[in-house]
Amino acid sequence: AAAMARRFYLEGKSKIQIAEEFGVSRFKVARVLETALDRDLVRIEIRVPAELDAERSDALRARYGLRHAVVVESPAEADDSPDPENLGEVAADLLGELVHEGDVLGLAWGRS
C-alpha cells in the first residue's frame, strides 16, 4: 500500500500506470489507495490561508445554495472597514481559479 501511495501522491503517477507496474487492475489500485487513507498511512492536509474563514465560507455557501463563497477575516484591530489590499489579493486568487478564457465577469460595489 505504501509503495502505491508513494507513486500516486508523491510521484504523480496515474492509477493505470501504477496498475501496470504492479500487475493489478486500476480498481485494485483505487481500493489500496482508499485503504491507505483509511488506515492513516496517507494524510492529506489542505492549508487554508489564515485570512480565510473556511467554516463561515462553507456555511454561507450551504445557506444560500452558492457554488462558491469566500469569507475574509478582518484583523482584530480593524476599525470596521475591510483591508482593500488583503481583500483584493483574496479576490484575485479566487478569480484565478474560477474564471477561464472566454468567460464574462461582472463586478459590483456598494455600501449599505
N, C-alpha and C. Protein backbone atom coordinates (compact mmCIF):
# COMPACT_ATOMS: atom_id res chain seq x y z
N ALA A 1 0.82 -1.19 0.00
CA ALA A 1 0.00 0.00 0.00
C ALA A 1 0.87 1.25 0.00
N ALA A 2 1.94 1.23 0.78
CA ALA A 2 2.80 2.41 0.87
C ALA A 2 3.46 2.71 -0.47
N ALA A 3 3.88 1.67 -1.17
CA ALA A 3 4.55 1.88 -2.46
C ALA A 3 3.58 2.48 -3.48
N MET A 4 2.36 1.97 -3.50
CA MET A 4 1.36 2.52 -4.43
C MET A 4 1.01 3.95 -4.06
N ALA A 5 0.85 4.21 -2.78
CA ALA A 5 0.53 5.56 -2.31
C ALA A 5 1.65 6.53 -2.68
N ARG A 6 2.89 6.10 -2.52
CA ARG A 6 4.04 6.95 -2.87
C ARG A 6 4.00 7.29 -4.36
N ARG A 7 3.78 6.29 -5.19
CA ARG A 7 3.74 6.52 -6.64
C ARG A 7 2.62 7.50 -7.01
N PHE A 8 1.46 7.33 -6.37
CA PHE A 8 0.30 8.15 -6.72
C PHE A 8 0.42 9.57 -6.18
N TYR A 9 0.66 9.70 -4.87
CA TYR A 9 0.61 11.02 -4.24
C TYR A 9 1.90 11.82 -4.38
N LEU A 10 3.03 11.16 -4.35
CA LEU A 10 4.30 11.90 -4.41
C LEU A 10 4.89 11.97 -5.81
N GLU A 11 4.76 10.88 -6.57
CA GLU A 11 5.35 10.85 -7.90
C GLU A 11 4.37 11.28 -8.98
N GLY A 12 3.08 11.38 -8.63
CA GLY A 12 2.08 11.85 -9.57
C GLY A 12 1.71 10.86 -10.67
N LYS A 13 1.97 9.57 -10.44
CA LYS A 13 1.62 8.56 -11.44
C LYS A 13 0.12 8.30 -11.41
N SER A 14 -0.42 7.92 -12.55
CA SER A 14 -1.86 7.62 -12.63
C SER A 14 -2.12 6.23 -12.07
N LYS A 15 -3.37 5.97 -11.77
CA LYS A 15 -3.76 4.64 -11.27
C LYS A 15 -3.49 3.58 -12.32
N ILE A 16 -3.66 3.93 -13.58
CA ILE A 16 -3.38 2.98 -14.66
C ILE A 16 -1.90 2.64 -14.71
N GLN A 17 -1.04 3.65 -14.59
CA GLN A 17 0.41 3.41 -14.59
C GLN A 17 0.82 2.53 -13.42
N ILE A 18 0.25 2.80 -12.26
CA ILE A 18 0.57 2.01 -11.06
C ILE A 18 0.07 0.58 -11.24
N ALA A 19 -1.12 0.43 -11.78
CA ALA A 19 -1.68 -0.91 -12.01
C ALA A 19 -0.78 -1.72 -12.93
N GLU A 20 -0.30 -1.10 -14.00
CA GLU A 20 0.59 -1.80 -14.93
C GLU A 20 1.90 -2.19 -14.24
N GLU A 21 2.44 -1.28 -13.44
CA GLU A 21 3.69 -1.56 -12.74
C GLU A 21 3.56 -2.73 -11.77
N PHE A 22 2.44 -2.79 -11.05
CA PHE A 22 2.26 -3.82 -10.02
C PHE A 22 1.49 -5.05 -10.53
N GLY A 23 1.03 -5.00 -11.76
CA GLY A 23 0.33 -6.14 -12.33
C GLY A 23 -1.04 -6.40 -11.73
N VAL A 24 -1.75 -5.32 -11.41
CA VAL A 24 -3.11 -5.42 -10.86
C VAL A 24 -4.02 -4.50 -11.65
N SER A 25 -5.32 -4.55 -11.36
CA SER A 25 -6.26 -3.66 -12.05
C SER A 25 -6.22 -2.27 -11.43
N ARG A 26 -6.67 -1.29 -12.20
CA ARG A 26 -6.72 0.09 -11.67
C ARG A 26 -7.73 0.19 -10.53
N PHE A 27 -8.73 -0.70 -10.54
CA PHE A 27 -9.71 -0.72 -9.46
C PHE A 27 -9.06 -1.19 -8.15
N LYS A 28 -8.15 -2.15 -8.27
CA LYS A 28 -7.41 -2.63 -7.10
C LYS A 28 -6.54 -1.50 -6.55
N VAL A 29 -5.90 -0.75 -7.44
CA VAL A 29 -5.08 0.38 -7.02
C VAL A 29 -5.95 1.39 -6.27
N ALA A 30 -7.14 1.69 -6.79
CA ALA A 30 -8.05 2.63 -6.13
C ALA A 30 -8.42 2.14 -4.74
N ARG A 31 -8.69 0.85 -4.60
CA ARG A 31 -9.04 0.29 -3.28
C ARG A 31 -7.86 0.38 -2.32
N VAL A 32 -6.66 0.09 -2.83
CA VAL A 32 -5.47 0.16 -1.97
C VAL A 32 -5.23 1.60 -1.51
N LEU A 33 -5.40 2.55 -2.41
CA LEU A 33 -5.22 3.96 -2.04
C LEU A 33 -6.26 4.40 -1.01
N GLU A 34 -7.49 3.94 -1.17
CA GLU A 34 -8.54 4.25 -0.20
C GLU A 34 -8.22 3.64 1.16
N THR A 35 -7.72 2.41 1.16
CA THR A 35 -7.32 1.75 2.40
C THR A 35 -6.17 2.50 3.07
N ALA A 36 -5.23 2.98 2.26
CA ALA A 36 -4.10 3.74 2.80
C ALA A 36 -4.59 4.99 3.52
N LEU A 37 -5.61 5.64 2.97
CA LEU A 37 -6.20 6.81 3.64
C LEU A 37 -6.92 6.40 4.92
N ASP A 38 -7.72 5.33 4.83
CA ASP A 38 -8.49 4.87 5.99
C ASP A 38 -7.59 4.45 7.15
N ARG A 39 -6.46 3.86 6.85
CA ARG A 39 -5.54 3.36 7.89
C ARG A 39 -4.53 4.41 8.33
N ASP A 40 -4.71 5.64 7.85
CA ASP A 40 -3.84 6.76 8.23
C ASP A 40 -2.41 6.58 7.74
N LEU A 41 -2.24 5.75 6.71
CA LEU A 41 -0.92 5.60 6.09
C LEU A 41 -0.62 6.85 5.27
N VAL A 42 -1.67 7.44 4.72
CA VAL A 42 -1.57 8.67 3.94
C VAL A 42 -2.43 9.72 4.63
N ARG A 43 -1.88 10.92 4.79
CA ARG A 43 -2.64 12.04 5.33
C ARG A 43 -2.63 13.16 4.31
N ILE A 44 -3.79 13.67 4.04
CA ILE A 44 -3.89 14.79 3.11
C ILE A 44 -4.23 16.02 3.93
N GLU A 45 -3.42 17.04 3.78
CA GLU A 45 -3.60 18.27 4.54
C GLU A 45 -3.88 19.41 3.57
N ILE A 46 -4.96 20.11 3.81
CA ILE A 46 -5.30 21.26 2.99
C ILE A 46 -5.11 22.50 3.85
N ARG A 47 -4.21 23.33 3.43
CA ARG A 47 -3.91 24.54 4.20
C ARG A 47 -4.69 25.71 3.64
N VAL A 48 -5.52 26.27 4.47
CA VAL A 48 -6.32 27.43 4.09
C VAL A 48 -5.56 28.67 4.56
N PRO A 49 -5.40 29.66 3.68
CA PRO A 49 -4.73 30.88 4.13
C PRO A 49 -5.39 31.44 5.38
N ALA A 50 -4.59 32.00 6.27
CA ALA A 50 -5.07 32.46 7.58
C ALA A 50 -6.20 33.47 7.46
N GLU A 51 -6.19 34.28 6.41
CA GLU A 51 -7.22 35.32 6.31
C GLU A 51 -8.58 34.79 5.86
N LEU A 52 -8.65 33.53 5.44
CA LEU A 52 -9.93 32.96 5.03
C LEU A 52 -10.60 32.24 6.19
N ASP A 53 -11.88 32.43 6.32
CA ASP A 53 -12.67 31.73 7.34
C ASP A 53 -13.42 30.61 6.64
N ALA A 54 -12.81 29.41 6.64
CA ALA A 54 -13.35 28.27 5.90
C ALA A 54 -14.73 27.85 6.41
N GLU A 55 -14.92 27.84 7.72
CA GLU A 55 -16.21 27.42 8.28
C GLU A 55 -17.34 28.37 7.86
N ARG A 56 -17.09 29.66 7.97
CA ARG A 56 -18.13 30.63 7.57
C ARG A 56 -18.35 30.60 6.06
N SER A 57 -17.29 30.40 5.30
CA SER A 57 -17.43 30.28 3.85
C SER A 57 -18.32 29.11 3.49
N ASP A 58 -18.09 27.96 4.14
CA ASP A 58 -18.91 26.76 3.89
C ASP A 58 -20.36 26.99 4.31
N ALA A 59 -20.55 27.64 5.46
CA ALA A 59 -21.91 27.90 5.95
C ALA A 59 -22.66 28.84 5.01
N LEU A 60 -21.99 29.88 4.54
CA LEU A 60 -22.60 30.83 3.61
C LEU A 60 -22.99 30.14 2.30
N ARG A 61 -22.08 29.33 1.80
CA ARG A 61 -22.34 28.60 0.56
C ARG A 61 -23.55 27.67 0.70
N ALA A 62 -23.59 26.93 1.81
CA ALA A 62 -24.68 25.99 2.05
C ALA A 62 -26.01 26.72 2.27
N ARG A 63 -25.99 27.80 3.04
CA ARG A 63 -27.22 28.53 3.38
C ARG A 63 -27.93 29.08 2.16
N TYR A 64 -27.15 29.61 1.21
CA TYR A 64 -27.75 30.25 0.05
C TYR A 64 -27.61 29.45 -1.24
N GLY A 65 -27.13 28.22 -1.13
CA GLY A 65 -27.02 27.36 -2.31
C GLY A 65 -26.04 27.88 -3.35
N LEU A 66 -24.96 28.48 -2.89
CA LEU A 66 -23.97 29.05 -3.80
C LEU A 66 -22.95 28.00 -4.22
N ARG A 67 -22.38 28.17 -5.40
CA ARG A 67 -21.30 27.27 -5.82
C ARG A 67 -19.99 27.65 -5.15
N HIS A 68 -19.76 28.94 -4.95
CA HIS A 68 -18.53 29.42 -4.33
C HIS A 68 -18.87 30.57 -3.39
N ALA A 69 -18.23 30.60 -2.24
CA ALA A 69 -18.36 31.71 -1.30
C ALA A 69 -17.08 31.78 -0.49
N VAL A 70 -16.58 32.97 -0.29
CA VAL A 70 -15.35 33.15 0.48
C VAL A 70 -15.59 34.25 1.51
N VAL A 71 -15.33 33.95 2.77
CA VAL A 71 -15.41 34.94 3.84
C VAL A 71 -13.99 35.27 4.25
N VAL A 72 -13.67 36.55 4.19
CA VAL A 72 -12.33 37.02 4.53
C VAL A 72 -12.39 37.67 5.90
N GLU A 73 -11.50 37.23 6.79
CA GLU A 73 -11.46 37.80 8.14
C GLU A 73 -10.77 39.15 8.12
N SER A 74 -11.27 40.05 8.94
CA SER A 74 -10.61 41.34 9.14
C SER A 74 -9.71 41.22 10.36
N PRO A 75 -8.60 41.94 10.38
CA PRO A 75 -7.75 41.91 11.58
C PRO A 75 -8.53 42.37 12.80
N ALA A 76 -8.19 41.84 13.97
CA ALA A 76 -8.90 42.16 15.21
C ALA A 76 -8.91 43.65 15.50
N GLU A 77 -7.84 44.34 15.14
CA GLU A 77 -7.76 45.77 15.44
C GLU A 77 -8.38 46.63 14.34
N ALA A 78 -9.03 46.01 13.40
CA ALA A 78 -9.63 46.76 12.29
C ALA A 78 -10.72 47.69 12.81
N ASP A 79 -10.87 48.82 12.15
CA ASP A 79 -11.86 49.82 12.55
C ASP A 79 -13.16 49.66 11.77
N ASP A 80 -13.63 48.43 11.65
CA ASP A 80 -14.85 48.09 10.93
C ASP A 80 -14.78 48.32 9.43
N SER A 81 -13.62 48.64 8.90
CA SER A 81 -13.50 48.77 7.45
C SER A 81 -12.54 47.70 6.95
N PRO A 82 -12.89 47.03 5.86
CA PRO A 82 -12.04 45.95 5.36
C PRO A 82 -10.73 46.49 4.80
N ASP A 83 -9.73 45.66 4.80
CA ASP A 83 -8.43 46.00 4.23
C ASP A 83 -8.52 45.75 2.73
N PRO A 84 -8.59 46.80 1.91
CA PRO A 84 -8.80 46.61 0.48
C PRO A 84 -7.69 45.81 -0.19
N GLU A 85 -6.45 45.97 0.27
CA GLU A 85 -5.34 45.23 -0.35
C GLU A 85 -5.49 43.74 -0.09
N ASN A 86 -5.79 43.38 1.15
CA ASN A 86 -5.98 41.97 1.51
C ASN A 86 -7.18 41.40 0.76
N LEU A 87 -8.26 42.14 0.72
CA LEU A 87 -9.46 41.70 0.01
C LEU A 87 -9.17 41.52 -1.48
N GLY A 88 -8.40 42.42 -2.04
CA GLY A 88 -8.03 42.32 -3.46
C GLY A 88 -7.20 41.10 -3.76
N GLU A 89 -6.26 40.77 -2.87
CA GLU A 89 -5.43 39.58 -3.06
C GLU A 89 -6.27 38.31 -3.03
N VAL A 90 -7.17 38.23 -2.07
CA VAL A 90 -8.03 37.05 -1.95
C VAL A 90 -8.93 36.94 -3.18
N ALA A 91 -9.50 38.07 -3.61
CA ALA A 91 -10.38 38.06 -4.79
C ALA A 91 -9.61 37.65 -6.04
N ALA A 92 -8.38 38.14 -6.19
CA ALA A 92 -7.58 37.79 -7.35
C ALA A 92 -7.27 36.30 -7.37
N ASP A 93 -6.94 35.73 -6.22
CA ASP A 93 -6.67 34.29 -6.14
C ASP A 93 -7.91 33.49 -6.53
N LEU A 94 -9.06 33.89 -6.00
CA LEU A 94 -10.30 33.18 -6.30
C LEU A 94 -10.65 33.28 -7.78
N LEU A 95 -10.55 34.48 -8.33
CA LEU A 95 -10.87 34.65 -9.75
C LEU A 95 -9.92 33.87 -10.64
N GLY A 96 -8.66 33.77 -10.23
CA GLY A 96 -7.69 32.98 -10.98
C GLY A 96 -8.08 31.52 -11.07
N GLU A 97 -8.79 31.02 -10.05
CA GLU A 97 -9.24 29.63 -10.05
C GLU A 97 -10.55 29.45 -10.81
N LEU A 98 -11.41 30.46 -10.80
CA LEU A 98 -12.77 30.30 -11.32
C LEU A 98 -12.97 30.78 -12.75
N VAL A 99 -12.28 31.83 -13.14
CA VAL A 99 -12.53 32.46 -14.44
C VAL A 99 -11.62 31.83 -15.49
N HIS A 100 -12.23 31.49 -16.61
CA HIS A 100 -11.48 30.88 -17.71
C HIS A 100 -11.61 31.76 -18.95
N GLU A 101 -10.73 31.53 -19.90
CA GLU A 101 -10.75 32.31 -21.13
C GLU A 101 -12.14 32.23 -21.78
N GLY A 102 -12.66 33.37 -22.16
CA GLY A 102 -13.97 33.42 -22.79
C GLY A 102 -15.10 33.69 -21.81
N ASP A 103 -14.85 33.59 -20.51
CA ASP A 103 -15.88 33.89 -19.51
C ASP A 103 -16.16 35.39 -19.48
N VAL A 104 -17.36 35.74 -19.08
CA VAL A 104 -17.73 37.15 -18.89
C VAL A 104 -17.85 37.38 -17.39
N LEU A 105 -17.23 38.42 -16.90
CA LEU A 105 -17.19 38.71 -15.48
C LEU A 105 -17.83 40.06 -15.22
N GLY A 106 -18.77 40.11 -14.29
CA GLY A 106 -19.40 41.36 -13.89
C GLY A 106 -19.06 41.65 -12.44
N LEU A 107 -18.76 42.90 -12.14
CA LEU A 107 -18.41 43.30 -10.77
C LEU A 107 -19.34 44.42 -10.32
N ALA A 108 -19.67 44.41 -9.05
CA ALA A 108 -20.49 45.48 -8.47
C ALA A 108 -19.89 45.84 -7.12
N TRP A 109 -20.10 47.06 -6.71
CA TRP A 109 -19.58 47.51 -5.42
C TRP A 109 -20.61 48.45 -4.81
N GLY A 110 -20.77 48.39 -3.53
CA GLY A 110 -21.70 49.30 -2.89
C GLY A 110 -21.55 49.27 -1.39
N ARG A 111 -22.26 50.17 -0.75
CA ARG A 111 -22.28 50.23 0.72
C ARG A 111 -23.73 50.28 1.16
N SER A 112 -24.00 49.60 2.25
CA SER A 112 -25.37 49.68 2.75
C SER A 112 -25.36 49.85 4.24
